[in-house]
Amino acid sequence: MSSNAVTLTELLIRERSALLRRVQRILGGDSGAEDVIQAVWFKARGVDSSQSIDNPRAYLYRLAINLATDHGRESTRRNRLLAEHYLWQEDEQISTEEQVMVQDELQRVLDAAGHLPEPTRTIFHLNRLQGLTQADIARRLGVSVTTVENHVRTALQRLAWARSGR
């Protein structure tokens, strides 16, 4: 690991509580805050020493703020797309009862996705929402492709169960 990566990682460990609170304020609650902190950790570990970082604390906080903002935007976009897909299909009138049922189904799936255990949640997010290949994820996380496949399979199975109401 580069000297910048070591410095940022050590700083992240010391500042984790404050960073988590900052991210929670940006996201409007706990939803996804831990994911953002984990993403900060991944990014911090990947910073090379080719450029000097004059203020590592400011760099770390800016990184967390940027990732939290991106996470919030992605979450809003994903929820909107899911709602449009499930609720408003072309030339189709959906009764209020059907809308409530579909919204309930969508909420169960979103809740289940938010409660996937680590590293399943991160691997699923990288694969299905960020579009990384299983091989890319395996290299990035230092695990086998089979491990990534198993985590994706587990996530899909749990989301299917949630969708069906189990």
C-alpha atoms as a PDB file:
ATOM      1  CA  MET A   1       0.000   0.000   0.000  1.00  0.00           C
ATOM      2  CA  SER A   2       1.250   3.496  -0.792  1.00  0.00           C
ATOM      3  CA  SER A   3       2.072   6.020   1.915  1.00  0.00           C
ATOM      4  CA  ASN A   4      -1.004   8.072   0.962  1.00  0.00           C
ATOM      5  CA  ALA A   5      -3.190   4.973   1.254  1.00  0.00           C
ATOM      6  CA  VAL A   6      -1.748   4.114   4.667  1.00  0.00           C
ATOM      7  CA  THR A   7      -2.220   7.676   5.935  1.00  0.00           C
ATOM      8  CA  LEU A   8      -5.815   7.859   4.667  1.00  0.00           C
ATOM      9  CA  THR A   9      -6.701   4.411   6.001  1.00  0.00           C
ATOM     10  CA  GLU A  10      -5.328   5.223   9.457  1.00  0.00           C
ATOM     11  CA  LEU A  11      -7.158   8.547   9.424  1.00  0.00           C
ATOM     12  CA  LEU A  12     -10.376   6.817   8.373  1.00  0.00           C
ATOM     13  CA  ILE A  13     -10.096   4.489  11.359  1.00  0.00           C
ATOM     14  CA  ARG A  14      -9.679   7.456  13.723  1.00  0.00           C
ATOM     15  CA  GLU A  15     -12.355   9.621  12.076  1.00  0.00           C
ATOM     16  CA  ARG A  16     -14.868   6.843  11.294  1.00  0.00           C
ATOM     17  CA  SER A  17     -17.559   7.974  13.774  1.00  0.00           C
ATOM     18  CA  ALA A  18     -17.479  11.589  12.618  1.00  0.00           C
ATOM     19  CA  LEU A  19     -17.430  10.556   8.948  1.00  0.00           C
ATOM     20  CA  LEU A  20     -20.373   8.215   9.511  1.00  0.00           C
ATOM     21  CA  ARG A  21     -22.394  11.008  11.147  1.00  0.00           C
ATOM     22  CA  ARG A  22     -21.558  13.365   8.245  1.00  0.00           C
ATOM     23  CA  VAL A  23     -22.611  10.768   5.673  1.00  0.00           C
ATOM     24  CA  GLN A  24     -25.832  10.035   7.591  1.00  0.00           C
ATOM     25  CA  ARG A  25     -26.703  13.746   7.513  1.00  0.00           C
ATOM     26  CA  ILE A  26     -26.121  13.874   3.760  1.00  0.00           C
ATOM     27  CA  LEU A  27     -28.220  10.753   3.135  1.00  0.00           C
ATOM     28  CA  GLY A  28     -30.936  11.770   5.567  1.00  0.00           C
ATOM     29  CA  GLY A  29     -30.516   8.733   7.821  1.00  0.00           C
ATOM     30  CA  ASP A  30     -28.688   5.453   8.238  1.00  0.00           C
ATOM     31  CA  SER A  31     -29.762   3.986   4.903  1.00  0.00           C
ATOM     32  CA  GLY A  32     -26.582   3.332   2.972  1.00  0.00           C
ATOM     33  CA  ALA A  33     -24.220   5.225   5.296  1.00  0.00           C
ATOM     34  CA  GLU A  34     -22.189   2.119   6.149  1.00  0.00           C
ATOM     35  CA  ASP A  35     -21.938   1.316   2.425  1.00  0.00           C
ATOM     36  CA  VAL A  36     -20.539   4.776   1.752  1.00  0.00           C
ATOM     37  CA  ILE A  37     -17.964   4.439   4.543  1.00  0.00           C
ATOM     38  CA  GLN A  38     -16.905   1.099   3.102  1.00  0.00           C
ATOM     39  CA  ALA A  39     -16.587   2.702  -0.333  1.00  0.00           C
ATOM     40  CA  VAL A  40     -14.428   5.436   1.235  1.00  0.00           C
ATOM     41  CA  TRP A  41     -12.213   2.708   2.680  1.00  0.00           C
ATOM     42  CA  PHE A  42     -11.864   1.024  -0.741  1.00  0.00           C
ATOM     43  CA  LYS A  43     -11.032   4.343  -2.399  1.00  0.00           C
ATOM     44  CA  ALA A  44      -8.580   5.344   0.342  1.00  0.00           C
ATOM     45  CA  ARG A  45      -6.723   2.043   0.006  1.00  0.00           C
ATOM     46  CA  GLY A  46      -6.360   2.658  -3.732  1.00  0.00           C
ATOM     47  CA  VAL A  47      -4.815   6.141  -3.537  1.00  0.00           C
ATOM     48  CA  ASP A  48      -1.271   6.033  -4.875  1.00  0.00           C
ATOM     49  CA  SER A  49       1.673   8.190  -3.899  1.00  0.00           C
ATOM     50  CA  SER A  50       2.138   9.853  -7.264  1.00  0.00           C
ATOM     51  CA  GLN A  51       0.720  13.100  -5.913  1.00  0.00           C
ATOM     52  CA  SER A  52       1.119  14.610  -2.501  1.00  0.00           C
ATOM     53  CA  ILE A  53      -1.923  15.189  -0.320  1.00  0.00           C
ATOM     54  CA  ASP A  54      -1.405  18.382   1.667  1.00  0.00           C
ATOM     55  CA  ASN A  55      -4.404  17.902   3.969  1.00  0.00           C
ATOM     56  CA  PRO A  56      -5.325  14.209   4.305  1.00  0.00           C
ATOM     57  CA  ARG A  57      -8.272  14.953   6.619  1.00  0.00           C
ATOM     58  CA  ALA A  58      -9.854  17.368   4.138  1.00  0.00           C
ATOM     59  CA  TYR A  59      -9.160  14.887   1.319  1.00  0.00           C
ATOM     60  CA  LEU A  60     -10.859  12.076   3.278  1.00  0.00           C
ATOM     61  CA  TYR A  61     -13.907  14.187   4.158  1.00  0.00           C
ATOM     62  CA  ARG A  62     -14.261  15.429   0.567  1.00  0.00           C
ATOM     63  CA  LEU A  63     -14.070  11.830  -0.625  1.00  0.00           C
ATOM     64  CA  ALA A  64     -16.791  10.787   1.842  1.00  0.00           C
ATOM     65  CA  ILE A  65     -19.024  13.734   0.914  1.00  0.00           C
ATOM     66  CA  ASN A  66     -18.652  13.031  -2.815  1.00  0.00           C
ATOM     67  CA  LEU A  67     -19.383   9.313  -2.397  1.00  0.00           C
ATOM     68  CA  ALA A  68     -22.381  10.038  -0.140  1.00  0.00           C
ATOM     69  CA  THR A  69     -23.767  12.482  -2.691  1.00  0.00           C
ATOM     70  CA  ASP A  70     -23.288   9.945  -5.486  1.00  0.00           C
ATOM     71  CA  HIS A  71     -24.913   7.234  -3.364  1.00  0.00           C
ATOM     72  CA  GLY A  72     -27.924   9.449  -2.659  1.00  0.00           C
ATOM     73  CA  ARG A  73     -28.353  10.298  -6.336  1.00  0.00           C
ATOM     74  CA  GLU A  74     -28.017   6.659  -7.366  1.00  0.00           C
ATOM     75  CA  SER A  75     -30.518   5.561  -4.729  1.00  0.00           C
ATOM     76  CA  THR A  76     -33.037   8.177  -5.854  1.00  0.00           C
ATOM     77  CA  ARG A  77     -32.582   7.226  -9.498  1.00  0.00           C
ATOM     78  CA  ARG A  78     -32.856   3.504  -8.773  1.00  0.00           C
ATOM     79  CA  ASN A  79     -36.037   3.963  -6.715  1.00  0.00           C
ATOM     80  CA  ARG A  80     -37.592   6.126  -9.423  1.00  0.00           C
ATOM     81  CA  LEU A  81     -36.773   3.608 -12.155  1.00  0.00           C
ATOM     82  CA  LEU A  82     -38.081   0.706 -10.105  1.00  0.00           C
ATOM     83  CA  ALA A  83     -41.267   2.572  -9.302  1.00  0.00           C
ATOM     84  CA  GLU A  84     -41.792   3.497 -12.951  1.00  0.00           C
ATOM     85  CA  HIS A  85     -41.187  -0.080 -14.038  1.00  0.00           C
ATOM     86  CA  TYR A  86     -43.509  -1.611 -11.469  1.00  0.00           C
ATOM     87  CA  LEU A  87     -46.208   1.024 -11.220  1.00  0.00           C
ATOM     88  CA  TRP A  88     -46.706   2.823 -14.498  1.00  0.00           C
ATOM     89  CA  GLN A  89     -46.706   0.585 -17.514  1.00  0.00           C
ATOM     90  CA  GLU A  90     -47.784   2.051 -20.844  1.00  0.00           C
ATOM     91  CA  ASP A  91     -51.542   2.236 -21.523  1.00  0.00           C
ATOM     92  CA  GLU A  92     -52.342   0.238 -18.437  1.00  0.00           C
ATOM     93  CA  GLN A  93     -54.578   1.393 -15.628  1.00  0.00           C
ATOM     94  CA  ILE A  94     -53.574  -0.016 -12.284  1.00  0.00           C
ATOM     95  CA  SER A  95     -56.092  -0.069  -9.476  1.00  0.00           C
ATOM     96  CA  THR A  96     -55.296   1.509  -6.141  1.00  0.00           C
ATOM     97  CA  GLU A  97     -55.199  -1.945  -4.578  1.00  0.00           C
ATOM     98  CA  GLU A  98     -52.665  -3.153  -7.169  1.00  0.00           C
ATOM     99  CA  GLN A  99     -50.569  -0.031  -6.636  1.00  0.00           C
ATOM    100  CA  VAL A 100     -50.467  -0.664  -2.890  1.00  0.00           C
ATOM    101  CA  MET A 101     -49.547  -4.310  -3.433  1.00  0.00           C
ATOM    102  CA  VAL A 102     -46.760  -3.416  -5.877  1.00  0.00           C
ATOM    103  CA  GLN A 103     -45.443  -0.670  -3.603  1.00  0.00           C
ATOM    104  CA  ASP A 104     -45.408  -3.159  -0.733  1.00  0.00           C
ATOM    105  CA  GLU A 105     -43.526  -5.663  -2.905  1.00  0.00           C
ATOM    106  CA  LEU A 106     -41.027  -3.011  -3.954  1.00  0.00           C
ATOM    107  CA  GLN A 107     -40.486  -1.927  -0.352  1.00  0.00           C
ATOM    108  CA  ARG A 108     -39.885  -5.531   0.752  1.00  0.00           C
ATOM    109  CA  VAL A 109     -37.241  -5.963  -1.964  1.00  0.00           C
ATOM    110  CA  LEU A 110     -35.545  -2.631  -1.145  1.00  0.00           C
ATOM    111  CA  ASP A 111     -35.548  -3.474   2.575  1.00  0.00           C
ATOM    112  CA  ALA A 112     -34.098  -6.918   1.859  1.00  0.00           C
ATOM    113  CA  ALA A 113     -31.397  -5.359  -0.334  1.00  0.00           C
ATOM    114  CA  GLY A 114     -30.514  -2.945   2.448  1.00  0.00           C
ATOM    115  CA  HIS A 115     -30.192  -5.791   4.937  1.00  0.00           C
ATOM    116  CA  LEU A 116     -28.003  -8.111   2.895  1.00  0.00           C
ATOM    117  CA  PRO A 117     -24.962  -9.104   4.962  1.00  0.00           C
ATOM    118  CA  GLU A 118     -21.496  -7.945   4.009  1.00  0.00           C
ATOM    119  CA  PRO A 119     -19.742  -8.696   1.699  1.00  0.00           C
ATOM    120  CA  THR A 120     -22.849  -9.963  -0.176  1.00  0.00           C
ATOM    121  CA  ARG A 121     -24.358  -6.460  -0.277  1.00  0.00           C
ATOM    122  CA  THR A 122     -21.191  -4.839  -1.632  1.00  0.00           C
ATOM    123  CA  ILE A 123     -20.636  -7.550  -4.226  1.00  0.00           C
ATOM    124  CA  PHE A 124     -24.267  -7.385  -5.375  1.00  0.00           C
ATOM    125  CA  HIS A 125     -24.078  -3.582  -5.569  1.00  0.00           C
ATOM    126  CA  LEU A 126     -20.867  -3.653  -7.601  1.00  0.00           C
ATOM    127  CA  ASN A 127     -22.216  -6.299  -9.977  1.00  0.00           C
ATOM    128  CA  ARG A 128     -25.859  -5.358 -10.503  1.00  0.00           C
ATOM    129  CA  LEU A 129     -25.894  -1.616  -9.894  1.00  0.00           C
ATOM    130  CA  GLN A 130     -22.421  -0.485 -10.962  1.00  0.00           C
ATOM    131  CA  GLY A 131     -22.113  -3.071 -13.742  1.00  0.00           C
ATOM    132  CA  LEU A 132     -18.745  -4.556 -12.776  1.00  0.00           C
ATOM    133  CA  THR A 133     -18.085  -8.070 -14.006  1.00  0.00           C
ATOM    134  CA  GLN A 134     -17.675 -10.861 -11.508  1.00  0.00           C
ATOM    135  CA  ALA A 135     -14.015 -11.197 -12.516  1.00  0.00           C
ATOM    136  CA  ASP A 136     -13.444  -7.456 -11.922  1.00  0.00           C
ATOM    137  CA  ILE A 137     -15.070  -7.689  -8.495  1.00  0.00           C
ATOM    138  CA  ALA A 138     -12.982 -10.738  -7.607  1.00  0.00           C
ATOM    139  CA  ARG A 139      -9.759  -8.906  -8.516  1.00  0.00           C
ATOM    140  CA  ARG A 140     -10.862  -5.744  -6.704  1.00  0.00           C
ATOM    141  CA  LEU A 141     -11.757  -7.556  -3.485  1.00  0.00           C
ATOM    142  CA  GLY A 142      -9.031 -10.186  -3.653  1.00  0.00           C
ATOM    143  CA  VAL A 143     -11.412 -13.160  -3.707  1.00  0.00           C
ATOM    144  CA  SER A 144     -12.186 -15.890  -6.226  1.00  0.00           C
ATOM    145  CA  VAL A 145     -14.752 -15.532  -8.988  1.00  0.00           C
ATOM    146  CA  THR A 146     -16.615 -18.479  -7.437  1.00  0.00           C
ATOM    147  CA  THR A 147     -16.919 -16.530  -4.185  1.00  0.00           C
ATOM    148  CA  VAL A 148     -18.348 -13.563  -6.077  1.00  0.00           C
ATOM    149  CA  GLU A 149     -20.783 -15.856  -7.940  1.00  0.00           C
ATOM    150  CA  ASN A 150     -21.954 -17.367  -4.660  1.00  0.00           C
ATOM    151  CA  HIS A 151     -22.569 -13.945  -3.105  1.00  0.00           C
ATOM    152  CA  VAL A 152     -24.509 -12.717  -6.156  1.00  0.00           C
ATOM    153  CA  ARG A 153     -26.576 -15.924  -6.143  1.00  0.00           C
ATOM    154  CA  THR A 154     -27.302 -15.513  -2.423  1.00  0.00           C
ATOM    155  CA  ALA A 155     -28.367 -11.892  -2.912  1.00  0.00           C
ATOM    156  CA  LEU A 156     -30.671 -12.750  -5.812  1.00  0.00           C
ATOM    157  CA  GLN A 157     -32.230 -15.594  -3.838  1.00  0.00           C
ATOM    158  CA  ARG A 158     -32.896 -13.378  -0.805  1.00  0.00           C
ATOM    159  CA  LEU A 159     -34.389 -10.628  -2.973  1.00  0.00           C
ATOM    160  CA  ALA A 160     -36.621 -13.163  -4.737  1.00  0.00           C
ATOM    161  CA  TRP A 161     -37.817 -14.429  -1.356  1.00  0.00           C
ATOM    162  CA  ALA A 162     -38.526 -10.879  -0.240  1.00  0.00           C
ATOM    163  CA  ARG A 163     -40.420 -10.173  -3.446  1.00  0.00           C
ATOM    164  CA  SER A 164     -42.603 -13.230  -2.968  1.00  0.00           C
ATOM    165  CA  GLY A 165     -43.264 -12.257   0.652  1.00  0.00           C
ATOM    166  CA  ARG A 166     -41.368 -15.084   2.366  1.00  0.00           C
END
